[in-house]
Amino acid sequence: MQNTPWREKILLYRLYDRDADAFGELYDVYAPRIYRYIYFKVSSSVEAEDLTADVFLKTWEYVQKREDKITSFRPFVYRLARNVVIDHYRSRAKDSVTASAELMARVMEPVEQSFAVNLSFRSDLETVTKGLAAIKDEYREVILLRYIEDYSIAEVAKILEKSRGAIRVTTHRALDALREAVTNIESSTTQQ
């Protein structure tokens, strides 16, 4: 499905008429994205699948209850995914979320490069993944949404329920923290 703002609005109107096909179309577009977003946070394909299903179940229940109308599906579903992950970690009493090098390699896989370049890329990717694991959750989340999921500042602000200015500042701080973490990892690797 070509997902344009108009197409999404039409699907939302149909969704509020309890049109399961409209929900299915939105699911087809957003489920892989939500899965990837959640997988980056939980690093388990089984948990990511379960939580993704939970996100879409809660979305359907939200629509069925006819609560406030969803004006834009993408920020709504990402905010819900974020909350589902938070609830998941609260229920399991875990306090740390790490990114997966395996998923990042699949998401950012270079196309047809030489073995040496590919090896270098994987080494850099592993370093960045370790760097992401070393920074604050808030910073990691902004980097994932902004640079991995490719959302605008406004979209990240809507998903995280913060102002655009706060997201700009957090993004700057997150990149500084990631840069420092990567530098520390590289220097400790060089010294060994």
Protein backbone atom coordinates (compact mmCIF):
# COMPACT_ATOMS: atom_id res chain seq x y z
CA MET A 1 0.00 0.00 0.00
CA GLN A 2 1.26 3.44 -0.87
CA ASN A 3 1.04 5.28 2.43
CA THR A 4 0.34 8.95 1.84
CA PRO A 5 -1.15 11.35 4.39
CA TRP A 6 -4.46 11.33 2.47
CA ARG A 7 -4.50 7.55 2.22
CA GLU A 8 -3.82 7.29 5.94
CA LYS A 9 -6.66 9.72 6.74
CA ILE A 10 -9.07 7.68 4.60
CA LEU A 11 -7.97 4.52 6.41
CA LEU A 12 -8.47 6.22 9.78
CA TYR A 13 -12.03 7.23 8.84
CA ARG A 14 -12.73 3.66 7.74
CA LEU A 15 -11.11 2.37 10.92
CA TYR A 16 -13.52 4.38 13.07
CA ASP A 17 -16.35 2.69 11.21
CA ARG A 18 -14.88 -0.60 12.51
CA ASP A 19 -13.52 -1.56 9.11
CA ALA A 20 -11.18 -4.50 9.78
CA ASP A 21 -9.72 -4.23 6.25
CA ALA A 22 -8.58 -0.66 6.96
CA PHE A 23 -6.97 -1.85 10.17
CA GLY A 24 -5.29 -4.65 8.21
CA GLU A 25 -3.85 -2.17 5.72
CA LEU A 26 -2.47 0.02 8.52
CA TYR A 27 -1.09 -3.10 10.19
CA ASP A 28 0.65 -4.17 6.97
CA VAL A 29 2.37 -0.79 6.70
CA TYR A 30 3.30 -0.24 10.34
CA ALA A 31 3.83 -3.71 11.86
CA PRO A 32 7.34 -4.21 10.39
CA ARG A 33 8.37 -0.72 11.52
CA ILE A 34 6.96 -1.18 15.02
CA TYR A 35 8.58 -4.61 15.27
CA ARG A 36 11.98 -3.11 14.35
CA TYR A 37 11.52 -0.24 16.83
CA ILE A 38 10.59 -2.65 19.63
CA TYR A 39 13.32 -5.13 18.70
CA PHE A 40 15.93 -2.39 19.12
CA LYS A 41 14.65 -1.91 22.64
CA VAL A 42 14.21 -5.52 23.79
CA SER A 43 16.80 -7.41 21.68
CA SER A 44 14.62 -10.52 21.50
CA SER A 45 12.67 -11.47 18.40
CA VAL A 46 10.10 -13.44 20.41
CA GLU A 47 9.47 -10.56 22.82
CA ALA A 48 9.41 -8.07 19.95
CA GLU A 49 6.78 -10.14 18.12
CA ASP A 50 4.64 -10.42 21.26
CA LEU A 51 4.92 -6.73 22.06
CA THR A 52 4.19 -5.74 18.45
CA ALA A 53 1.04 -7.85 18.56
CA ASP A 54 0.14 -6.18 21.86
CA VAL A 55 0.56 -2.72 20.30
CA PHE A 56 -1.86 -3.52 17.50
CA LEU A 57 -4.32 -5.24 19.83
CA LYS A 58 -4.35 -2.13 22.04
CA THR A 59 -4.76 0.04 18.94
CA TRP A 60 -7.81 -1.96 17.85
CA GLU A 61 -9.26 -1.82 21.39
CA TYR A 62 -8.66 1.94 21.52
CA VAL A 63 -10.57 2.42 18.27
CA GLN A 64 -13.40 0.12 19.40
CA LYS A 65 -13.89 2.13 22.60
CA ARG A 66 -14.25 5.24 20.44
CA GLU A 67 -11.93 7.22 22.67
CA ASP A 68 -10.30 10.36 21.28
CA LYS A 69 -9.90 10.06 17.54
CA ILE A 70 -6.46 9.32 16.17
CA THR A 71 -5.49 12.27 13.98
CA SER A 72 -2.19 10.83 12.77
CA PHE A 73 -1.62 7.10 12.99
CA ARG A 74 2.19 7.02 12.89
CA PRO A 75 2.89 9.11 16.02
CA PHE A 76 0.01 7.38 17.81
CA VAL A 77 1.27 3.85 17.14
CA TYR A 78 4.90 4.71 18.00
CA ARG A 79 3.86 6.38 21.25
CA LEU A 80 1.80 3.29 22.08
CA ALA A 81 4.77 1.03 21.21
CA ARG A 82 6.99 3.08 23.48
CA ASN A 83 4.51 2.73 26.34
CA VAL A 84 4.14 -1.02 25.75
CA VAL A 85 7.92 -1.44 25.98
CA ILE A 86 8.03 0.65 29.16
CA ASP A 87 5.27 -1.48 30.68
CA HIS A 88 7.10 -4.62 29.59
CA TYR A 89 10.27 -3.59 31.39
CA ARG A 90 8.41 -2.45 34.46
CA SER A 91 6.69 -5.81 34.70
CA ARG A 92 9.97 -7.68 34.34
CA ALA A 93 11.87 -5.27 36.61
CA LYS A 94 14.64 -4.77 34.09
CA ASP A 95 16.48 -1.49 34.07
CA SER A 96 18.61 -1.72 30.97
CA VAL A 97 17.78 -1.88 27.27
CA THR A 98 20.48 -2.64 24.72
CA ALA A 99 20.49 -2.35 20.95
CA SER A 100 21.19 -5.46 18.91
CA ALA A 101 24.21 -5.48 16.61
CA GLU A 102 22.58 -8.23 14.56
CA LEU A 103 19.48 -6.16 13.82
CA MET A 104 21.46 -3.00 13.16
CA ALA A 105 23.59 -4.94 10.68
CA ARG A 106 20.44 -6.12 8.89
CA VAL A 107 18.84 -2.68 8.91
CA MET A 108 21.94 -0.86 7.76
CA GLU A 109 23.41 -3.60 5.54
CA PRO A 110 25.71 -2.07 2.91
CA VAL A 111 24.91 -3.02 -0.65
CA GLU A 112 27.57 -4.98 -2.59
CA GLN A 113 30.79 -3.78 -1.03
CA SER A 114 34.18 -5.40 -0.88
CA PHE A 115 34.95 -7.78 1.97
CA ALA A 116 37.37 -5.30 3.59
CA VAL A 117 34.87 -2.45 3.48
CA ASN A 118 32.11 -4.72 4.77
CA LEU A 119 34.35 -5.95 7.60
CA SER A 120 35.19 -2.36 8.52
CA PHE A 121 31.49 -1.46 8.43
CA ARG A 122 30.62 -4.34 10.77
CA SER A 123 33.40 -3.33 13.16
CA ASP A 124 32.13 0.27 13.17
CA LEU A 125 28.56 -0.97 13.60
CA GLU A 126 29.56 -3.07 16.60
CA THR A 127 31.31 -0.06 18.15
CA VAL A 128 28.26 2.17 17.59
CA THR A 129 25.98 -0.53 19.03
CA LYS A 130 28.15 -0.71 22.16
CA GLY A 131 28.09 3.09 22.27
CA LEU A 132 24.29 3.10 22.09
CA ALA A 133 24.14 0.60 24.94
CA ALA A 134 26.38 2.86 27.03
CA ILE A 135 24.29 6.03 26.80
CA LYS A 136 21.13 6.99 28.69
CA ASP A 137 17.85 5.38 27.60
CA GLU A 138 16.40 8.80 26.75
CA TYR A 139 19.32 9.55 24.42
CA ARG A 140 19.20 6.09 22.83
CA GLU A 141 15.50 6.44 22.13
CA VAL A 142 15.90 9.82 20.43
CA ILE A 143 18.76 8.51 18.27
CA LEU A 144 16.76 5.42 17.27
CA LEU A 145 13.69 7.43 16.31
CA ARG A 146 15.58 10.26 14.63
CA TYR A 147 18.30 8.38 12.74
CA ILE A 148 17.28 4.72 12.52
CA GLU A 149 13.54 5.24 12.03
CA ASP A 150 14.20 8.53 10.16
CA TYR A 151 11.57 10.66 11.89
CA SER A 152 11.57 14.44 11.82
CA ILE A 153 12.10 16.50 14.98
CA ALA A 154 8.35 17.25 15.02
CA GLU A 155 7.43 13.56 14.75
CA VAL A 156 9.87 12.55 17.51
CA ALA A 157 8.45 15.33 19.69
CA LYS A 158 4.92 14.04 19.14
CA ILE A 159 5.89 10.42 19.85
CA LEU A 160 7.79 11.30 23.03
CA GLU A 161 5.27 13.99 24.03
CA LYS A 162 7.90 16.71 24.34
CA SER A 163 8.43 20.05 22.66
CA ARG A 164 10.42 20.36 19.45
CA GLY A 165 13.00 22.46 21.26
CA ALA A 166 13.45 19.79 23.92
CA ILE A 167 13.95 17.16 21.21
CA ARG A 168 16.54 19.33 19.42
CA VAL A 169 18.48 19.77 22.67
CA THR A 170 18.16 16.08 23.56
CA THR A 171 19.28 15.07 20.06
CA HIS A 172 22.36 17.27 20.34
CA ARG A 173 23.19 15.89 23.79
CA ALA A 174 22.50 12.32 22.65
CA LEU A 175 24.88 12.65 19.71
CA ASP A 176 27.55 14.15 21.98
CA ALA A 177 27.08 11.29 24.46
CA LEU A 178 27.24 8.70 21.66
CA ARG A 179 30.34 10.33 20.18
CA GLU A 180 32.03 10.26 23.61
CA ALA A 181 30.99 6.63 24.23
CA VAL A 182 32.28 5.52 20.83
CA THR A 183 35.56 7.38 21.38
CA ASN A 184 35.99 5.67 24.77
CA ILE A 185 35.23 2.26 23.27
CA GLU A 186 37.67 2.82 20.40
CA SER A 187 40.42 4.03 22.73
CA SER A 188 39.96 1.06 25.09
CA THR A 189 40.04 -1.31 22.09
CA THR A 190 43.22 0.33 20.77
CA GLN A 191 44.96 0.02 24.16
CA GLN A 192 44.32 -3.73 24.37
